[in-house]
N, C-alpha and C. Protein backbone atom coordinates (compact mmCIF):
# COMPACT_ATOMS: atom_id res chain seq x y z
N UNK A 1 91.02 97.74 112.91
CA UNK A 1 91.94 97.81 111.61
C UNK A 1 92.59 96.09 111.91
N UNK A 2 92.41 95.25 110.18
CA UNK A 2 93.00 94.11 110.24
C UNK A 2 94.25 94.09 109.71
N UNK A 3 95.25 93.88 110.29
CA UNK A 3 96.78 93.33 109.73
C UNK A 3 96.72 92.66 108.63
N UNK A 4 95.88 92.05 108.45
CA UNK A 4 95.98 90.81 107.24
C UNK A 4 95.15 91.31 106.01
N UNK A 5 94.65 92.57 105.86
CA UNK A 5 94.29 93.18 104.72
C UNK A 5 94.97 94.26 104.12
N UNK A 6 95.34 94.33 103.12
CA UNK A 6 96.35 94.63 102.35
C UNK A 6 96.25 94.88 100.93
N UNK A 7 96.20 96.41 100.73
CA UNK A 7 95.73 97.54 99.55
C UNK A 7 97.08 97.86 98.59
N UNK A 8 96.26 97.33 97.20
CA UNK A 8 97.05 97.82 96.08
C UNK A 8 96.50 99.26 95.24
N UNK A 9 97.05 100.00 95.44
CA UNK A 9 96.59 101.34 95.14
C UNK A 9 97.15 101.91 93.91
N UNK A 10 97.51 103.17 93.31
CA UNK A 10 97.42 104.11 92.35
C UNK A 10 97.06 104.37 91.51
N UNK A 11 97.24 104.95 90.52
CA UNK A 11 96.60 105.39 89.39
C UNK A 11 96.12 104.19 88.14
N UNK A 12 95.03 104.72 87.63
CA UNK A 12 94.53 103.70 86.19
C UNK A 12 95.54 103.82 85.42
N UNK A 13 95.69 102.32 85.01
CA UNK A 13 96.95 101.75 84.06
C UNK A 13 98.03 101.43 85.05
N UNK A 14 98.25 101.66 85.68
CA UNK A 14 99.59 101.28 86.24
C UNK A 14 99.71 99.87 86.72
N UNK A 15 98.98 98.76 86.06
CA UNK A 15 99.35 97.39 86.63
C UNK A 15 98.98 96.46 87.71
N UNK A 16 97.72 97.43 88.53
CA UNK A 16 97.17 96.76 89.70
C UNK A 16 96.50 95.52 89.46
N UNK A 17 95.42 96.05 88.60
CA UNK A 17 94.74 94.45 88.34
C UNK A 17 95.49 93.42 87.71
N UNK A 18 96.25 93.41 87.26
CA UNK A 18 97.27 92.01 86.87
C UNK A 18 97.80 91.78 87.84
N UNK A 19 98.40 92.71 88.81
CA UNK A 19 98.98 91.86 89.84
C UNK A 19 98.59 91.16 90.94
N UNK A 20 97.11 91.82 90.94
CA UNK A 20 95.84 91.17 91.81
C UNK A 20 95.88 89.77 91.37
N UNK A 21 95.72 89.90 90.11
CA UNK A 21 94.99 88.80 89.33
C UNK A 21 96.45 87.51 90.02
N UNK A 22 97.73 87.87 89.56
CA UNK A 22 98.98 87.01 89.81
C UNK A 22 98.81 86.45 91.33
N UNK A 23 98.71 87.56 92.25
CA UNK A 23 98.28 86.75 93.40
C UNK A 23 97.35 85.73 93.30
N UNK A 24 96.42 86.24 93.50
CA UNK A 24 95.21 84.91 93.03
C UNK A 24 95.72 83.72 92.55
N UNK A 25 96.03 83.51 91.39
CA UNK A 25 96.29 82.90 90.81
C UNK A 25 97.68 82.12 91.74
N UNK A 26 98.28 82.35 92.54
CA UNK A 26 99.18 81.91 93.71
C UNK A 26 98.78 81.51 94.66
N UNK A 27 97.19 81.74 94.91
CA UNK A 27 96.48 81.19 96.08
C UNK A 27 96.30 81.97 96.82
N UNK A 28 96.61 83.45 97.03
CA UNK A 28 95.95 84.70 98.12
C UNK A 28 94.49 84.79 97.61
N UNK A 29 94.41 85.12 98.71
CA UNK A 29 92.68 86.16 98.66
C UNK A 29 92.78 87.56 97.85
N UNK A 30 91.75 87.46 97.20
CA UNK A 30 91.74 88.98 96.71
C UNK A 30 90.24 89.75 96.55
N UNK A 31 90.12 90.86 96.45
CA UNK A 31 89.21 91.50 96.39
C UNK A 31 89.76 92.34 94.86
N UNK A 32 88.49 92.03 94.08
CA UNK A 32 88.79 92.99 92.35
C UNK A 32 88.56 94.35 93.17
N UNK A 33 88.89 95.54 91.87
CA UNK A 33 88.49 97.23 92.16
C UNK A 33 86.99 97.15 91.89
N UNK A 34 86.35 97.40 92.74
CA UNK A 34 84.49 97.74 92.34
C UNK A 34 84.24 98.77 91.52
N UNK A 35 85.39 99.44 91.51
CA UNK A 35 85.06 101.11 90.03
C UNK A 35 84.91 100.38 88.70
N UNK A 36 85.40 99.45 88.38
CA UNK A 36 85.28 98.50 86.94
C UNK A 36 83.82 98.17 87.03
N UNK A 37 84.08 97.53 88.00
CA UNK A 37 82.36 96.30 88.05
C UNK A 37 81.18 97.03 87.98
N UNK A 38 81.26 98.70 88.65
CA UNK A 38 80.28 99.36 88.57
C UNK A 38 80.31 99.99 87.63
N UNK A 39 81.38 100.77 86.74
CA UNK A 39 81.19 100.69 85.52
C UNK A 39 80.46 99.69 84.15
N UNK A 40 80.83 98.65 84.31
CA UNK A 40 80.32 97.77 83.49
C UNK A 40 78.91 97.33 83.94
N UNK A 41 78.65 97.63 85.01
CA UNK A 41 76.77 97.24 84.79
C UNK A 41 75.94 98.69 84.95
N UNK A 42 76.53 99.79 85.12
CA UNK A 42 76.10 101.01 84.68
C UNK A 42 76.29 101.23 83.26
N UNK A 43 77.13 100.62 82.87
CA UNK A 43 76.81 100.94 80.83
C UNK A 43 75.96 99.88 80.55
N UNK A 44 75.87 98.64 80.77
CA UNK A 44 75.20 97.24 80.60
C UNK A 44 73.62 98.11 80.73
N UNK A 45 73.11 98.74 81.98
CA UNK A 45 72.05 98.84 82.18
C UNK A 45 71.13 100.61 82.02
N UNK A 46 72.84 101.45 81.10
CA UNK A 46 71.92 102.11 81.01
C UNK A 46 72.15 103.23 82.20
N UNK A 47 72.91 103.03 83.23
CA UNK A 47 72.65 104.16 84.57
C UNK A 47 73.87 105.03 84.04
N UNK A 48 73.43 105.84 85.45
CA UNK A 48 74.36 107.42 84.96
C UNK A 48 75.62 107.35 86.11
N UNK A 49 75.59 105.99 87.17
CA UNK A 49 76.79 106.17 88.00
C UNK A 49 78.03 106.10 87.51
N UNK A 50 78.32 106.80 86.73
CA UNK A 50 79.87 106.88 86.17
C UNK A 50 80.73 107.81 86.30
N UNK A 51 82.07 107.62 86.32
CA UNK A 51 83.12 108.40 86.63
C UNK A 51 83.16 109.78 85.71
N UNK A 52 82.26 109.48 84.44
CA UNK A 52 82.27 110.28 83.59
C UNK A 52 80.76 111.28 83.58
N UNK A 53 80.22 110.95 84.04
CA UNK A 53 78.23 111.06 83.82
C UNK A 53 78.10 111.84 85.45
N UNK A 54 78.14 110.84 86.26
CA UNK A 54 77.33 111.48 87.74
C UNK A 54 78.60 110.97 89.30
N UNK A 55 79.73 111.46 89.47
CA UNK A 55 80.70 111.28 90.11
C UNK A 55 80.25 110.84 91.08
N UNK A 56 79.24 111.33 91.71
CA UNK A 56 79.36 111.53 93.57
C UNK A 56 78.41 110.20 93.51
N UNK A 57 77.31 109.81 92.52
CA UNK A 57 76.68 108.38 92.65
C UNK A 57 77.37 107.55 92.13
N UNK A 58 78.62 107.60 91.21
CA UNK A 58 79.95 106.73 91.40
C UNK A 58 80.40 106.15 92.16
N UNK A 59 80.61 107.35 93.40
CA UNK A 59 81.56 107.42 94.87
C UNK A 59 80.59 106.44 95.42
N UNK A 60 79.22 106.67 95.37
CA UNK A 60 78.54 105.81 96.57
C UNK A 60 78.05 104.41 96.45
N UNK A 61 78.34 104.46 95.04
CA UNK A 61 78.12 102.92 94.36
C UNK A 61 79.36 102.45 94.96
N UNK A 62 80.84 102.78 94.78
CA UNK A 62 81.86 102.20 95.65
C UNK A 62 81.88 101.91 96.73
N UNK A 63 81.67 102.61 97.01
CA UNK A 63 81.37 102.90 99.21
C UNK A 63 80.83 101.62 99.50
N UNK A 64 79.24 101.42 99.16
CA UNK A 64 79.47 100.28 98.83
C UNK A 64 79.00 99.03 98.96
N UNK A 65 80.05 98.72 98.02
CA UNK A 65 80.71 97.87 97.04
C UNK A 65 81.64 97.47 98.16
N UNK A 66 82.64 98.37 98.41
CA UNK A 66 83.72 98.57 99.46
C UNK A 66 83.69 97.81 100.43
N UNK A 67 82.77 98.50 101.32
CA UNK A 67 82.09 97.56 102.85
C UNK A 67 81.37 96.79 102.54
N UNK A 68 81.36 96.15 101.51
CA UNK A 68 80.89 94.99 101.54
C UNK A 68 81.79 93.87 101.34
N UNK A 69 82.55 94.71 100.52
CA UNK A 69 84.01 93.79 100.48
C UNK A 69 84.90 93.76 101.37
N UNK A 70 84.98 94.58 102.28
CA UNK A 70 85.35 94.26 103.71
C UNK A 70 85.02 93.59 104.60
N UNK A 71 83.39 93.41 104.68
CA UNK A 71 82.58 92.26 105.71
C UNK A 71 82.77 91.27 104.75
N UNK A 72 83.08 90.83 103.63
CA UNK A 72 83.11 89.47 103.31
C UNK A 72 84.45 88.86 103.47
N UNK A 73 85.92 89.75 103.40
CA UNK A 73 86.96 89.63 103.66
C UNK A 73 87.12 88.91 105.40
N UNK A 74 86.41 89.87 105.82
CA UNK A 74 86.82 89.64 107.19
C UNK A 74 86.22 87.81 107.60
N UNK A 75 85.70 87.29 106.51
CA UNK A 75 85.39 85.86 106.91
C UNK A 75 86.45 84.61 106.62
N UNK A 76 87.34 85.56 105.40
CA UNK A 76 88.30 84.30 105.20
C UNK A 76 89.79 84.28 106.20
N UNK A 77 90.73 83.30 105.96
CA UNK A 77 91.43 83.43 106.85
C UNK A 77 92.84 83.78 106.09
N UNK A 78 93.93 84.46 106.52
CA UNK A 78 95.10 85.01 106.04
C UNK A 78 95.17 86.02 105.12
N UNK A 79 95.75 86.31 104.51
CA UNK A 79 96.10 87.43 103.48
C UNK A 79 94.86 87.48 102.75
N UNK A 80 94.65 88.93 102.75
CA UNK A 80 93.48 89.40 101.57
C UNK A 80 94.05 90.25 100.62
N UNK A 81 94.02 90.80 99.89
CA UNK A 81 94.63 91.80 99.01
C UNK A 81 93.89 92.41 98.31
N UNK A 82 93.37 93.56 98.42
CA UNK A 82 92.25 94.57 97.69
C UNK A 82 93.27 94.88 96.89
N UNK A 83 92.07 94.88 95.33
CA UNK A 83 92.56 96.42 94.38
C UNK A 83 91.82 97.23 94.49
N UNK A 84 92.24 98.39 95.37
CA UNK A 84 92.04 99.64 95.74
C UNK A 84 91.08 99.07 97.03
N UNK A 85 91.21 100.61 97.96
CA UNK A 85 90.29 100.34 99.62
C UNK A 85 89.51 101.14 99.42
N UNK A 86 88.80 101.36 100.70
CA UNK A 86 87.78 102.85 100.81
C UNK A 86 88.54 103.56 100.98
N UNK A 87 89.70 104.18 101.28
CA UNK A 87 90.47 105.45 101.41
C UNK A 87 90.54 105.85 99.26
N UNK A 88 90.81 105.14 98.35
CA UNK A 88 90.67 105.53 97.03
C UNK A 88 89.66 106.40 96.69
N UNK A 89 88.14 105.99 97.42
CA UNK A 89 87.29 106.90 97.00
C UNK A 89 87.28 107.82 97.59
N UNK A 90 87.80 108.40 99.02
CA UNK A 90 88.14 109.69 99.31
C UNK A 90 89.26 110.37 98.28
N UNK A 91 90.20 109.40 97.71
CA UNK A 91 91.47 110.52 96.95
C UNK A 91 90.29 110.55 95.91
N UNK A 92 90.01 109.75 95.19
CA UNK A 92 89.03 110.06 93.66
C UNK A 92 88.08 111.48 93.95
N UNK A 93 87.22 111.52 95.41
CA UNK A 93 86.76 112.58 95.17
C UNK A 93 87.56 113.90 95.59
N UNK A 94 88.61 113.83 96.10
CA UNK A 94 89.44 115.06 96.43
C UNK A 94 89.99 115.20 94.83
N UNK A 95 90.22 114.12 94.43
CA UNK A 95 90.91 114.34 92.76
C UNK A 95 89.92 115.23 92.20
N UNK A 96 88.81 115.08 91.70
CA UNK A 96 87.57 115.81 91.43
C UNK A 96 86.94 116.90 92.12
N UNK A 97 87.35 117.52 92.83
CA UNK A 97 87.12 118.75 93.72
C UNK A 97 85.65 118.56 94.54
N UNK A 98 85.05 117.19 94.92
CA UNK A 98 83.77 116.89 95.10
C UNK A 98 83.77 117.10 96.50
N UNK A 99 82.93 117.17 97.50
CA UNK A 99 82.41 117.22 98.58
C UNK A 99 82.62 115.72 99.27
N UNK A 100 83.35 115.18 100.55
CA UNK A 100 83.95 114.11 100.84
C UNK A 100 82.36 113.77 102.04
N UNK A 101 81.32 113.16 101.97
CA UNK A 101 80.52 112.79 102.51
C UNK A 101 81.06 112.34 103.90
N UNK A 102 80.24 112.74 105.11
CA UNK A 102 80.90 112.38 106.43
C UNK A 102 80.69 110.73 106.46
N UNK A 103 80.11 110.00 105.98
CA UNK A 103 79.99 108.70 105.87
C UNK A 103 81.35 108.05 104.98
N UNK A 104 81.80 108.96 104.12
CA UNK A 104 82.77 108.24 103.75
C UNK A 104 83.93 108.44 104.64
N UNK A 105 84.09 109.53 105.04
CA UNK A 105 85.41 110.02 105.65
C UNK A 105 85.26 109.06 107.01
N UNK A 106 84.05 108.98 108.18
CA UNK A 106 84.23 107.48 108.95
C UNK A 106 84.21 106.50 108.66
N UNK A 107 84.19 106.13 107.24
CA UNK A 107 84.50 104.48 106.81
C UNK A 107 86.04 104.77 106.43
N UNK A 108 86.59 105.67 106.15
CA UNK A 108 87.76 105.12 105.87
C UNK A 108 88.57 105.45 107.02
N UNK A 109 88.02 105.97 108.33
CA UNK A 109 88.95 105.82 108.91
C UNK A 109 88.10 104.39 110.06
N UNK A 110 87.47 103.73 109.80
CA UNK A 110 87.05 102.17 110.54
C UNK A 110 86.96 101.22 109.65
N UNK A 111 87.09 101.24 108.51
CA UNK A 111 87.85 100.42 107.67
C UNK A 111 89.31 100.19 107.51
N UNK A 112 90.08 99.94 108.08
CA UNK A 112 91.20 100.37 107.84
C UNK A 112 91.86 98.79 107.99
N UNK A 113 92.96 99.09 107.12
CA UNK A 113 94.11 97.88 106.50
C UNK A 113 95.20 98.02 107.12
N UNK A 114 95.84 97.01 106.29
CA UNK A 114 97.37 96.84 106.86
C UNK A 114 97.99 98.60 106.69
N UNK A 115 98.65 98.71 107.98
CA UNK A 115 99.61 100.16 107.57
C UNK A 115 100.73 99.90 106.34
N UNK A 116 101.01 98.59 105.97
CA UNK A 116 101.21 98.91 104.40
C UNK A 116 100.54 98.60 103.16
N UNK A 117 100.63 99.73 102.51
CA UNK A 117 99.67 99.76 101.34
C UNK A 117 100.83 100.16 100.51
N UNK A 118 100.42 99.32 99.52
CA UNK A 118 101.70 99.21 97.99
C UNK A 118 100.29 100.04 96.75
N UNK A 119 101.90 100.83 96.51
CA UNK A 119 101.31 101.98 95.25
C UNK A 119 102.09 101.18 94.31
N UNK A 120 101.05 100.99 93.18
CA UNK A 120 101.76 101.16 91.68
C UNK A 120 101.66 102.40 90.85
N UNK A 121 103.46 102.75 90.54
CA UNK A 121 103.02 104.30 90.20
C UNK A 121 102.76 104.30 88.87
N UNK A 122 102.29 105.81 88.20
CA UNK A 122 102.11 105.49 87.14
C UNK A 122 103.34 105.43 86.45
N UNK A 123 102.93 104.46 84.99
CA UNK A 123 104.07 103.77 84.08
C UNK A 123 103.54 103.80 82.53
N UNK A 124 104.41 104.82 81.93
CA UNK A 124 104.03 105.10 80.86
C UNK A 124 104.13 104.10 79.95
N UNK A 125 105.24 103.16 80.03
CA UNK A 125 105.11 102.59 79.25
C UNK A 125 104.10 101.23 79.14
N UNK A 126 103.16 100.94 79.74
CA UNK A 126 102.28 100.19 79.86
C UNK A 126 100.43 100.59 80.58
N UNK A 127 100.57 101.83 80.34
CA UNK A 127 99.34 102.88 80.34
C UNK A 127 98.50 102.49 79.17
N UNK A 128 97.18 102.49 79.11
CA UNK A 128 96.35 102.21 78.03
C UNK A 128 95.16 102.89 78.49
N UNK A 129 94.36 102.94 77.67
CA UNK A 129 92.73 103.08 77.83
C UNK A 129 92.22 102.01 77.62
N UNK A 130 91.16 101.98 77.97
CA UNK A 130 90.02 101.31 77.21
C UNK A 130 88.32 101.87 77.39
N UNK A 131 87.73 100.87 77.33
CA UNK A 131 86.05 101.36 77.54
C UNK A 131 85.78 101.97 78.90
N UNK A 132 86.13 101.36 79.84
CA UNK A 132 86.23 101.70 80.88
C UNK A 132 87.23 102.70 81.74
N UNK A 133 88.57 102.74 80.97
CA UNK A 133 89.33 103.43 82.03
C UNK A 133 89.47 104.55 80.37
N UNK A 134 88.79 105.65 81.07
CA UNK A 134 88.80 106.68 79.58
C UNK A 134 90.00 107.75 80.26
N UNK A 135 90.44 107.33 81.52
CA UNK A 135 91.50 108.81 81.96
C UNK A 135 92.49 109.37 81.12
N UNK A 136 93.26 110.20 80.88
CA UNK A 136 94.23 110.71 80.22
C UNK A 136 95.63 110.50 80.77
N UNK A 137 96.74 110.34 80.36
CA UNK A 137 97.86 109.91 81.06
C UNK A 137 97.99 110.93 82.07
N UNK A 138 97.52 112.26 81.89
CA UNK A 138 97.66 113.70 83.48
C UNK A 138 96.92 112.88 83.87
N UNK A 139 95.67 112.73 84.26
CA UNK A 139 94.64 112.19 85.13
C UNK A 139 95.59 110.75 85.82
N UNK A 140 96.08 110.24 84.99
CA UNK A 140 96.64 108.81 85.61
C UNK A 140 97.67 108.91 86.73
N UNK A 141 98.43 110.01 86.42
CA UNK A 141 99.37 110.70 86.96
C UNK A 141 99.04 111.34 88.68
N UNK A 142 98.26 111.76 88.13
CA UNK A 142 97.53 112.83 89.14
C UNK A 142 96.49 111.93 90.13
N UNK A 143 96.12 110.47 89.44
CA UNK A 143 95.14 110.09 90.74
C UNK A 143 96.33 109.26 91.57
N UNK A 144 97.11 108.67 90.73
CA UNK A 144 98.68 107.97 91.96
C UNK A 144 99.09 109.00 92.68
N UNK A 145 99.46 110.00 92.38
CA UNK A 145 99.15 110.95 93.30
C UNK A 145 98.08 111.64 94.85
N UNK A 146 97.19 111.69 94.42
CA UNK A 146 95.93 111.81 95.05
C UNK A 146 95.76 110.77 95.86
N UNK A 147 96.56 109.14 95.76
CA UNK A 147 96.25 108.19 96.50
C UNK A 147 96.88 107.72 97.54
N UNK A 148 97.97 108.49 97.02
CA UNK A 148 99.67 108.56 97.48
C UNK A 148 99.38 109.52 98.90
N UNK A 149 98.80 110.50 98.61
CA UNK A 149 98.34 111.67 99.76
C UNK A 149 97.25 111.04 100.53
N UNK A 150 96.57 110.72 100.12
CA UNK A 150 94.99 110.13 101.03
C UNK A 150 95.56 109.16 101.79
N UNK A 151 96.06 107.83 101.31
CA UNK A 151 96.80 107.18 102.48
C UNK A 151 97.99 107.68 103.26
N UNK A 152 98.57 108.57 102.78
CA UNK A 152 99.65 109.08 103.68
C UNK A 152 98.98 109.60 105.39
N UNK A 153 98.15 110.68 104.91
CA UNK A 153 96.96 111.39 105.51
C UNK A 153 96.40 110.51 106.26
N UNK A 154 95.95 109.35 106.10
CA UNK A 154 95.17 108.33 106.80
C UNK A 154 96.11 107.54 107.56
N UNK A 155 97.45 107.96 107.78
CA UNK A 155 98.55 107.22 108.87
C UNK A 155 98.91 106.04 107.64
N UNK A 156 98.80 105.61 106.75
CA UNK A 156 99.29 104.38 106.05
C UNK A 156 100.78 104.90 105.50
N UNK A 157 101.78 103.70 105.84
CA UNK A 157 103.21 103.35 105.65
C UNK A 157 102.75 102.95 103.82
N UNK A 158 103.24 103.99 102.70
CA UNK A 158 103.02 103.86 101.32
C UNK A 158 104.43 103.12 100.99
N UNK A 159 104.28 102.04 100.38
CA UNK A 159 105.35 101.32 99.77
C UNK A 159 105.60 101.09 98.04
N UNK A 160 106.13 101.92 97.46
CA UNK A 160 105.93 101.96 96.03
C UNK A 160 106.72 100.87 95.18
N UNK A 161 106.10 100.29 94.30
CA UNK A 161 106.50 98.99 93.82
C UNK A 161 107.23 99.29 92.48
N UNK A 162 108.18 98.49 92.80
CA UNK A 162 109.43 98.95 91.16
C UNK A 162 108.21 99.03 89.91
N UNK A 163 108.78 99.26 88.76
CA UNK A 163 108.12 99.38 87.45
C UNK A 163 108.78 97.78 86.74
N UNK A 164 108.52 97.25 86.91
CA UNK A 164 108.83 95.73 86.77
C UNK A 164 107.74 94.86 86.31
N UNK A 165 107.93 94.03 85.27
CA UNK A 165 106.98 93.15 85.40
C UNK A 165 106.26 92.36 86.55
N UNK A 166 104.83 91.38 86.12
CA UNK A 166 103.98 91.58 87.21
C UNK A 166 104.42 90.34 87.89
N UNK A 167 104.84 89.51 87.82
CA UNK A 167 105.87 88.36 88.78
C UNK A 167 106.40 89.03 89.93
N UNK A 168 107.39 89.87 89.31
CA UNK A 168 108.25 90.42 90.06
C UNK A 168 107.60 91.22 91.22
N UNK A 169 106.72 92.30 90.79
CA UNK A 169 105.57 92.91 91.80
C UNK A 169 105.03 91.93 92.35
N UNK A 170 104.72 90.78 91.65
CA UNK A 170 103.48 89.96 92.86
C UNK A 170 104.70 89.04 93.88
N UNK A 171 106.23 88.85 93.61
CA UNK A 171 107.16 88.51 94.45
C UNK A 171 107.01 89.59 95.59
N UNK A 172 107.66 90.55 95.40
CA UNK A 172 107.96 91.96 96.23
C UNK A 172 106.27 91.78 97.21
N UNK A 173 105.40 91.98 96.77
CA UNK A 173 104.19 91.54 97.76
C UNK A 173 104.26 90.73 98.48
N UNK A 174 104.12 89.26 98.23
CA UNK A 174 103.89 88.23 98.71
C UNK A 174 105.19 88.58 99.86
N UNK A 175 106.24 89.06 99.75
CA UNK A 175 107.40 88.80 100.61
C UNK A 175 107.44 89.97 102.30
N UNK A 176 105.97 90.75 101.41
CA UNK A 176 106.04 91.74 102.62
C UNK A 176 104.21 91.22 103.39
N UNK A 177 103.92 90.20 102.84
CA UNK A 177 102.72 90.42 103.75
C UNK A 177 102.81 89.68 105.30
N UNK A 178 102.38 90.06 106.46
CA UNK A 178 102.66 90.22 107.54
C UNK A 178 101.55 89.67 108.35
N UNK A 179 101.45 88.59 107.91
CA UNK A 179 100.02 87.68 108.97
C UNK A 179 100.47 86.64 109.50
């Protein structure tokens, strides 16, 4: 476990990426979400490891990227903030009612983050869809609930962020980094 690795999780369209970008602007080490990058890569090359095509392949690609990011983060000093973590993949597969491969369950137990996980709750006022985010509002709410349940089941303490502007959320996260 790395006490200096922090996760921001939640459903799609809840302001996680904007928060991560603001924390990076403030000088924190950040790790971007793997899912969006995979979707962009797959769409560019005509691949099928997409959440609306082959969810299992999509999850496998996310696990590979997330474990690579975790290893890379170990070379950094100070706090590192992740836009989603390995347990998010577990939550995703559970939400999709797909089997969780043993290597993913093992990775969620070994690639540990700080006990405090920041949850960006579903927020109707800022939720939008785009070329990579095709989930409905109901799916976004269900994803948030799945992430909360997954992290709690793995022993993490969930700190729900307020539905506030990005700067306020960044102030809250920065004040809670324990390194």
